[in-house]
N, C-alpha and C. Protein backbone atom coordinates (compact mmCIF):
# COMPACT_ATOMS: atom_id res chain seq x y z
N MET A 1 -148.22 78.65 194.02
CA MET A 1 -147.31 77.54 193.81
C MET A 1 -146.10 78.37 193.56
N GLY A 2 -144.90 77.92 194.08
CA GLY A 2 -143.63 78.54 193.93
C GLY A 2 -142.88 78.25 192.53
N SER A 3 -141.57 78.44 192.44
CA SER A 3 -140.91 78.25 191.22
C SER A 3 -140.84 76.72 191.07
N ARG A 4 -140.31 76.22 189.65
CA ARG A 4 -140.18 74.92 189.54
C ARG A 4 -138.85 74.83 188.52
N ASP A 5 -138.15 73.79 188.89
CA ASP A 5 -136.95 73.37 188.00
C ASP A 5 -137.19 72.19 187.43
N ALA A 6 -136.90 72.04 186.06
CA ALA A 6 -136.79 70.64 185.52
C ALA A 6 -135.62 70.35 184.84
N ASP A 7 -135.11 69.25 184.78
CA ASP A 7 -133.95 68.82 183.75
C ASP A 7 -133.89 67.31 183.61
N ILE A 8 -132.97 67.18 182.70
CA ILE A 8 -132.76 65.71 182.42
C ILE A 8 -131.24 65.61 182.44
N ASP A 9 -130.86 64.60 183.33
CA ASP A 9 -129.37 64.31 183.43
C ASP A 9 -129.26 63.09 182.41
N PHE A 10 -128.16 63.06 181.57
CA PHE A 10 -127.69 61.99 180.71
C PHE A 10 -126.45 61.41 180.91
N THR A 11 -126.24 60.17 180.93
CA THR A 11 -124.97 59.69 181.12
C THR A 11 -124.56 58.73 179.97
N PHE A 12 -123.21 59.09 179.56
CA PHE A 12 -122.87 58.34 178.38
C PHE A 12 -121.74 57.44 178.66
N THR A 13 -121.69 56.25 177.70
CA THR A 13 -120.72 55.25 177.95
C THR A 13 -119.39 55.65 177.99
N ARG A 14 -118.96 56.81 177.24
CA ARG A 14 -117.63 57.29 177.06
C ARG A 14 -117.69 58.63 177.16
N PRO A 15 -116.56 59.25 177.30
CA PRO A 15 -116.56 60.83 176.97
C PRO A 15 -116.97 61.13 175.59
N THR A 16 -117.83 62.15 175.57
CA THR A 16 -118.35 62.70 174.21
C THR A 16 -117.81 64.19 174.29
N THR A 17 -118.17 64.75 173.01
CA THR A 17 -117.98 66.17 172.75
C THR A 17 -119.29 66.88 172.35
N VAL A 18 -119.24 68.18 172.50
CA VAL A 18 -120.23 68.97 172.34
C VAL A 18 -120.68 68.72 170.96
N ARG A 19 -119.54 68.81 169.93
CA ARG A 19 -120.05 68.55 168.55
C ARG A 19 -120.60 67.43 168.27
N ALA A 20 -120.12 66.20 168.81
CA ALA A 20 -120.86 64.85 168.52
C ALA A 20 -122.33 64.81 169.05
N VAL A 21 -122.47 65.39 170.16
CA VAL A 21 -124.08 65.38 170.70
C VAL A 21 -124.76 66.20 169.81
N LEU A 22 -124.32 67.64 169.56
CA LEU A 22 -124.97 68.48 168.68
C LEU A 22 -125.21 67.66 167.20
N ASP A 23 -124.44 67.03 166.61
CA ASP A 23 -124.52 66.30 165.35
C ASP A 23 -125.51 65.29 165.54
N ALA A 24 -125.70 64.58 166.73
CA ALA A 24 -126.61 63.55 166.83
C ALA A 24 -127.98 64.20 166.96
N LEU A 25 -128.11 65.20 167.45
CA LEU A 25 -129.47 65.97 167.76
C LEU A 25 -129.85 66.59 166.52
N THR A 26 -128.97 67.06 165.71
CA THR A 26 -129.32 67.78 164.45
C THR A 26 -130.23 66.98 163.64
N GLY A 27 -130.00 65.77 163.44
CA GLY A 27 -131.00 64.77 162.55
C GLY A 27 -132.30 64.78 163.18
N ALA A 28 -132.65 65.13 164.63
CA ALA A 28 -133.89 65.12 165.23
C ALA A 28 -134.40 66.62 165.44
N GLY A 29 -133.94 67.52 164.54
CA GLY A 29 -134.49 68.70 164.41
C GLY A 29 -133.95 69.75 165.37
N TRP A 30 -133.08 69.55 166.08
CA TRP A 30 -132.26 70.51 167.06
C TRP A 30 -131.37 71.09 166.32
N SER A 31 -130.92 72.21 166.86
CA SER A 31 -129.83 73.30 166.24
C SER A 31 -129.25 74.12 167.37
N ALA A 32 -127.96 74.42 167.17
CA ALA A 32 -127.35 75.49 168.02
C ALA A 32 -127.93 76.91 167.59
N ALA A 33 -128.47 77.04 166.61
CA ALA A 33 -128.88 78.37 166.21
C ALA A 33 -130.29 78.56 166.95
N VAL A 34 -130.23 79.58 167.81
CA VAL A 34 -131.26 80.02 168.66
C VAL A 34 -131.94 81.25 168.07
N PRO A 35 -133.18 81.38 167.82
CA PRO A 35 -133.65 82.59 167.33
C PRO A 35 -133.24 83.75 168.16
N PRO A 36 -132.85 84.94 167.53
CA PRO A 36 -133.19 85.10 166.25
C PRO A 36 -132.03 84.63 165.18
N GLY A 37 -131.21 83.78 165.54
CA GLY A 37 -130.19 83.08 164.72
C GLY A 37 -128.79 82.92 165.06
N GLY A 38 -128.44 83.29 166.24
CA GLY A 38 -127.16 83.18 166.76
C GLY A 38 -127.05 81.88 167.76
N ALA A 39 -125.88 82.00 168.29
CA ALA A 39 -125.81 80.71 169.32
C ALA A 39 -125.29 81.44 170.63
N SER A 40 -125.54 80.69 171.72
CA SER A 40 -125.10 81.01 173.16
C SER A 40 -124.38 79.87 173.52
N TYR A 41 -123.32 80.14 174.24
CA TYR A 41 -122.23 79.20 174.83
C TYR A 41 -121.76 79.61 176.02
N MET A 42 -121.16 78.64 176.79
CA MET A 42 -120.68 79.13 178.18
C MET A 42 -119.49 78.13 178.58
N ILE A 43 -118.46 78.57 179.01
CA ILE A 43 -117.32 77.83 179.73
C ILE A 43 -117.13 78.34 181.03
N ASN A 44 -117.09 77.29 181.98
CA ASN A 44 -116.96 77.59 183.27
C ASN A 44 -115.25 77.36 183.55
N ASP A 45 -114.65 78.41 183.60
CA ASP A 45 -113.19 78.42 183.45
C ASP A 45 -112.55 78.16 184.98
N ALA A 46 -111.18 78.22 185.08
CA ALA A 46 -110.57 77.92 186.30
C ALA A 46 -110.88 78.93 187.24
N ASP A 47 -111.31 80.16 186.98
CA ASP A 47 -111.86 81.05 188.04
C ASP A 47 -113.29 80.71 188.50
N ASP A 48 -113.89 79.57 188.02
CA ASP A 48 -115.26 79.19 188.37
C ASP A 48 -116.21 80.55 187.98
N MET A 49 -116.00 80.93 186.86
CA MET A 49 -116.79 82.11 186.50
C MET A 49 -117.75 81.49 185.38
N TYR A 50 -119.13 81.48 185.35
CA TYR A 50 -119.90 80.96 184.32
C TYR A 50 -120.22 82.13 183.25
N GLU A 51 -119.30 82.30 182.36
CA GLU A 51 -119.51 83.51 181.40
C GLU A 51 -120.10 83.06 180.17
N TRP A 52 -121.32 83.69 179.74
CA TRP A 52 -122.05 83.20 178.61
C TRP A 52 -121.29 84.05 177.46
N HIS A 53 -121.34 83.67 176.25
CA HIS A 53 -120.93 84.34 175.01
C HIS A 53 -121.94 84.17 173.93
N ASP A 54 -122.08 85.03 173.10
CA ASP A 54 -123.10 84.85 171.97
C ASP A 54 -122.27 84.99 170.58
N THR A 55 -122.52 84.28 169.53
CA THR A 55 -121.99 84.23 168.32
C THR A 55 -123.10 84.32 167.22
N ALA A 56 -122.65 84.92 165.97
CA ALA A 56 -123.64 84.83 164.96
C ALA A 56 -123.58 83.47 164.48
N HIS A 57 -124.50 83.13 163.54
CA HIS A 57 -124.70 81.81 163.03
C HIS A 57 -123.28 81.30 162.42
N ASP A 58 -122.72 82.04 161.66
CA ASP A 58 -121.68 81.71 161.17
C ASP A 58 -120.44 81.44 161.99
N GLY A 59 -120.37 81.76 163.31
CA GLY A 59 -119.33 81.62 164.21
C GLY A 59 -119.56 80.22 165.00
N ILE A 60 -120.70 79.30 164.85
CA ILE A 60 -121.06 78.40 165.74
C ILE A 60 -119.91 77.24 165.51
N SER A 61 -119.44 77.00 164.42
CA SER A 61 -118.26 76.03 164.33
C SER A 61 -116.96 76.35 165.01
N GLU A 62 -116.81 77.61 165.17
CA GLU A 62 -115.61 78.08 166.16
C GLU A 62 -116.07 77.83 167.50
N ALA A 63 -117.35 78.39 167.92
CA ALA A 63 -117.72 78.23 169.29
C ALA A 63 -117.59 76.55 169.67
N LEU A 64 -118.07 75.64 168.85
CA LEU A 64 -117.96 74.17 169.06
C LEU A 64 -116.60 73.84 169.15
N ALA A 65 -115.63 74.39 168.31
CA ALA A 65 -114.14 74.12 168.40
C ALA A 65 -113.62 74.38 169.85
N LEU A 66 -114.00 75.73 170.37
CA LEU A 66 -113.65 76.11 171.69
C LEU A 66 -114.30 75.32 172.84
N LEU A 67 -115.46 75.03 172.68
CA LEU A 67 -115.99 74.17 173.72
C LEU A 67 -115.40 72.78 173.69
N ASP A 68 -115.06 72.16 172.61
CA ASP A 68 -114.40 70.88 172.82
C ASP A 68 -112.92 71.05 172.94
N ALA A 69 -112.33 72.18 172.93
CA ALA A 69 -110.83 72.18 172.91
C ALA A 69 -110.22 71.55 174.18
N PRO A 70 -109.15 70.93 174.10
CA PRO A 70 -108.63 70.02 175.12
C PRO A 70 -108.41 70.72 176.61
N GLU A 71 -108.01 72.08 176.28
CA GLU A 71 -107.92 72.88 177.77
C GLU A 71 -108.99 73.10 178.34
N ASN A 72 -110.31 72.76 177.83
CA ASN A 72 -111.61 73.06 178.35
C ASN A 72 -112.33 71.91 178.86
N MET A 73 -111.71 70.64 178.57
CA MET A 73 -112.30 69.47 178.95
C MET A 73 -112.24 69.35 180.57
N PRO A 74 -111.35 69.91 181.42
CA PRO A 74 -111.66 69.86 182.87
C PRO A 74 -112.77 70.73 183.34
N TYR A 75 -113.32 71.62 182.48
CA TYR A 75 -114.45 72.63 182.88
C TYR A 75 -115.68 72.12 182.32
N THR A 76 -116.79 72.63 183.01
CA THR A 76 -118.15 72.61 182.40
C THR A 76 -118.30 73.48 181.47
N VAL A 77 -119.01 73.13 180.48
CA VAL A 77 -119.38 73.92 179.22
C VAL A 77 -120.71 73.66 178.90
N ALA A 78 -121.46 74.69 178.34
CA ALA A 78 -122.72 74.69 177.90
C ALA A 78 -122.96 75.28 176.51
N LEU A 79 -124.05 74.74 176.03
CA LEU A 79 -124.45 75.38 174.57
C LEU A 79 -126.04 75.24 174.61
N ASN A 80 -126.82 76.38 174.30
CA ASN A 80 -128.07 76.40 174.13
C ASN A 80 -128.54 75.51 172.69
N ILE A 81 -129.69 75.01 172.72
CA ILE A 81 -129.95 74.50 171.55
C ILE A 81 -131.56 74.78 171.43
N TYR A 82 -132.12 74.55 170.16
CA TYR A 82 -133.58 74.94 169.84
C TYR A 82 -133.94 73.97 168.74
N HIS A 83 -135.22 73.57 168.92
CA HIS A 83 -135.93 72.76 167.94
C HIS A 83 -136.91 73.46 167.25
N GLN A 84 -136.70 73.96 166.14
CA GLN A 84 -137.50 75.06 165.44
C GLN A 84 -138.88 74.63 165.32
N ALA A 85 -139.08 73.35 164.80
CA ALA A 85 -140.44 72.96 164.55
C ALA A 85 -141.23 72.78 165.67
N ALA A 86 -140.64 72.67 167.02
CA ALA A 86 -141.63 72.57 168.16
C ALA A 86 -141.55 74.06 168.93
N GLY A 87 -140.64 74.67 168.50
CA GLY A 87 -140.53 76.02 169.01
C GLY A 87 -140.19 76.16 170.69
N THR A 88 -139.22 75.18 171.00
CA THR A 88 -138.79 75.04 172.46
C THR A 88 -137.30 74.84 172.18
N GLY A 89 -136.60 75.02 173.47
CA GLY A 89 -135.31 74.58 173.40
C GLY A 89 -134.81 74.77 174.82
N GLY A 90 -133.40 74.65 175.01
CA GLY A 90 -132.85 74.60 176.42
C GLY A 90 -131.22 74.54 176.41
N MET A 91 -130.76 74.29 177.55
CA MET A 91 -129.41 74.41 177.66
C MET A 91 -128.86 73.02 177.81
N LEU A 92 -127.83 72.59 177.15
CA LEU A 92 -126.98 71.41 177.32
C LEU A 92 -125.84 71.74 178.13
N MET A 93 -125.66 71.12 179.17
CA MET A 93 -124.50 71.31 180.16
C MET A 93 -123.74 70.19 180.30
N PHE A 94 -122.42 70.19 179.76
CA PHE A 94 -121.56 69.23 179.79
C PHE A 94 -120.60 69.26 180.77
N LEU A 95 -120.76 68.35 181.81
CA LEU A 95 -119.79 68.42 182.89
C LEU A 95 -118.42 67.74 182.58
N ALA A 96 -117.43 68.23 183.56
CA ALA A 96 -116.16 67.82 183.38
C ALA A 96 -116.07 66.35 183.29
N GLY A 97 -115.23 65.84 182.35
CA GLY A 97 -115.13 64.48 181.97
C GLY A 97 -116.13 64.08 180.90
N ARG A 98 -117.01 64.91 180.60
CA ARG A 98 -117.94 64.68 179.45
C ARG A 98 -118.73 63.28 179.25
N THR A 99 -118.77 62.63 180.39
CA THR A 99 -119.70 61.55 180.32
C THR A 99 -121.04 62.04 180.84
N ASP A 100 -121.11 62.99 181.54
CA ASP A 100 -122.42 63.51 182.15
C ASP A 100 -122.90 64.80 181.54
N ILE A 101 -124.13 64.81 180.88
CA ILE A 101 -124.70 65.97 180.46
C ILE A 101 -126.04 66.36 180.99
N CYS A 102 -126.37 67.44 181.24
CA CYS A 102 -127.60 67.85 181.67
C CYS A 102 -128.39 68.68 180.68
N PHE A 103 -129.54 68.33 180.50
CA PHE A 103 -130.45 69.35 179.74
C PHE A 103 -131.48 70.14 180.64
N VAL A 104 -131.39 71.29 180.39
CA VAL A 104 -132.32 72.29 181.25
C VAL A 104 -133.27 72.91 180.22
N PRO A 105 -134.67 72.60 180.10
CA PRO A 105 -135.51 73.13 179.25
C PRO A 105 -135.56 74.64 179.67
N THR A 106 -135.28 75.68 179.06
CA THR A 106 -135.28 77.20 179.39
C THR A 106 -135.84 77.98 178.37
N LEU A 107 -136.04 77.47 177.19
CA LEU A 107 -136.35 78.36 176.01
C LEU A 107 -137.77 78.03 175.52
N TYR A 108 -138.79 78.70 175.97
CA TYR A 108 -140.30 78.31 175.61
C TYR A 108 -140.57 76.89 175.94
N ARG A 109 -140.35 76.64 177.35
CA ARG A 109 -140.52 75.28 177.77
C ARG A 109 -141.90 74.95 177.57
N ARG A 110 -141.83 73.45 177.24
CA ARG A 110 -143.24 72.91 176.83
C ARG A 110 -143.86 72.60 178.23
N ARG A 111 -145.05 72.75 178.44
CA ARG A 111 -145.78 72.31 179.48
C ARG A 111 -146.77 71.38 179.18
N LEU A 112 -147.12 70.50 180.27
CA LEU A 112 -148.29 69.71 180.27
C LEU A 112 -149.50 70.40 180.22
N PRO A 113 -150.47 70.17 179.03
CA PRO A 113 -151.60 70.63 178.83
C PRO A 113 -152.62 70.89 180.04
N ALA A 114 -152.67 69.68 180.66
CA ALA A 114 -153.59 69.32 181.81
C ALA A 114 -153.11 69.83 182.99
N ALA A 115 -151.71 70.08 183.11
CA ALA A 115 -151.16 70.66 184.36
C ALA A 115 -149.90 71.43 184.08
N PRO A 116 -150.53 72.59 183.54
CA PRO A 116 -149.48 73.62 182.94
C PRO A 116 -148.35 74.15 183.90
N GLU A 117 -148.38 73.85 185.10
CA GLU A 117 -147.36 74.11 186.00
C GLU A 117 -146.09 73.19 186.01
N PHE A 118 -146.46 72.15 185.21
CA PHE A 118 -145.22 71.14 185.10
C PHE A 118 -144.83 71.16 183.76
N THR A 119 -143.43 70.83 183.59
CA THR A 119 -142.98 70.70 182.41
C THR A 119 -143.31 69.29 181.62
N ASP A 120 -143.48 69.33 180.27
CA ASP A 120 -143.68 68.01 179.47
C ASP A 120 -142.48 67.38 179.20
N LEU A 121 -141.98 66.73 180.40
CA LEU A 121 -140.53 66.01 180.22
C LEU A 121 -140.77 64.86 179.36
N ALA A 122 -141.67 64.24 179.17
CA ALA A 122 -141.91 63.13 178.18
C ALA A 122 -141.75 63.67 176.73
N TRP A 123 -142.09 64.78 176.48
CA TRP A 123 -141.90 65.27 175.12
C TRP A 123 -140.54 65.53 174.94
N TYR A 124 -139.78 66.09 175.92
CA TYR A 124 -138.29 66.38 175.68
C TYR A 124 -137.48 64.93 175.58
N LEU A 125 -137.97 64.13 176.46
CA LEU A 125 -137.07 62.67 176.28
C LEU A 125 -137.45 61.93 174.97
N GLN A 126 -138.51 62.12 174.56
CA GLN A 126 -139.04 61.51 173.10
C GLN A 126 -137.98 62.39 171.95
N ALA A 127 -137.97 63.79 172.20
CA ALA A 127 -137.31 64.54 171.17
C ALA A 127 -135.52 64.47 171.47
N LEU A 128 -135.26 63.80 172.44
CA LEU A 128 -133.88 63.96 172.71
C LEU A 128 -133.19 62.36 172.70
N VAL A 129 -133.88 61.52 173.52
CA VAL A 129 -133.10 60.22 173.87
C VAL A 129 -132.93 59.40 172.38
N PRO A 130 -133.76 59.38 171.51
CA PRO A 130 -133.46 58.43 170.37
C PRO A 130 -132.31 58.85 169.65
N ALA A 131 -132.04 60.14 169.68
CA ALA A 131 -131.04 60.80 168.79
C ALA A 131 -129.51 60.61 169.65
N LEU A 132 -129.77 60.70 171.06
CA LEU A 132 -128.71 60.52 171.81
C LEU A 132 -128.05 59.07 172.12
N VAL A 133 -128.97 58.25 171.66
CA VAL A 133 -128.59 56.66 171.75
C VAL A 133 -127.49 56.52 170.69
N THR A 134 -127.56 57.02 169.45
CA THR A 134 -126.55 56.95 168.60
C THR A 134 -125.20 57.58 168.99
N ALA A 135 -125.19 58.46 170.00
CA ALA A 135 -123.87 59.15 170.52
C ALA A 135 -123.48 58.50 171.73
N GLY A 136 -123.99 57.23 172.08
CA GLY A 136 -123.43 56.44 173.21
C GLY A 136 -124.24 56.66 174.42
N LEU A 137 -125.52 57.16 174.63
CA LEU A 137 -126.16 57.29 175.78
C LEU A 137 -126.18 56.17 176.42
N GLU A 138 -126.14 55.92 177.76
CA GLU A 138 -126.08 54.87 178.54
C GLU A 138 -127.49 54.75 179.35
N GLY A 139 -127.92 56.12 179.79
CA GLY A 139 -128.98 56.21 180.74
C GLY A 139 -129.37 57.75 180.98
N TYR A 140 -130.50 57.95 181.47
CA TYR A 140 -130.94 59.25 181.99
C TYR A 140 -131.71 59.16 183.25
N GLU A 141 -131.78 60.56 183.72
CA GLU A 141 -132.84 60.62 184.83
C GLU A 141 -133.44 62.00 184.68
N ALA A 142 -134.93 62.09 184.65
CA ALA A 142 -135.68 63.09 184.48
C ALA A 142 -136.27 63.61 185.64
N LYS A 143 -136.30 64.87 186.00
CA LYS A 143 -136.93 65.26 187.14
C LYS A 143 -137.32 66.65 187.24
N GLU A 144 -138.30 66.97 187.97
CA GLU A 144 -138.99 68.27 188.11
C GLU A 144 -139.26 68.67 189.72
N VAL A 145 -138.71 69.65 190.36
CA VAL A 145 -139.02 69.90 191.52
C VAL A 145 -139.25 71.36 191.71
N GLY A 146 -140.26 71.38 192.59
CA GLY A 146 -140.87 72.95 193.04
C GLY A 146 -140.09 73.29 194.31
N TYR A 147 -140.12 74.51 194.67
CA TYR A 147 -139.52 75.03 195.66
C TYR A 147 -140.09 76.41 196.08
């Protein structure tokens, strides 16, 4: 079997911010602090360059302010998040306009025990959707494709 990609696309009722989404997810056990303790974020700028940056735990607030800065609203931005208790995480990618967000399970992806080639998307939905409802979630689409 070849490679597989999995993601969950979320749609919100109104534009949101990285900070608002992270605040909602924090109550469900998610954090921007990815082991060993820093954060990784990305801004796709006017040059269409996906440049990732790392910051120490004490720089997360500044990173969130940068991601949510008005001058970055026309660009795609991303933040890695991690669920310490579950030992898994991924990337939240906020598309321009901030009503569409994509989650890609990339950090220690949870697999289906009976079919380990597939991602346990149901676990991610249960871990993300209830918290995101409080942040204005309107709907989602989960998919996994092989190629």
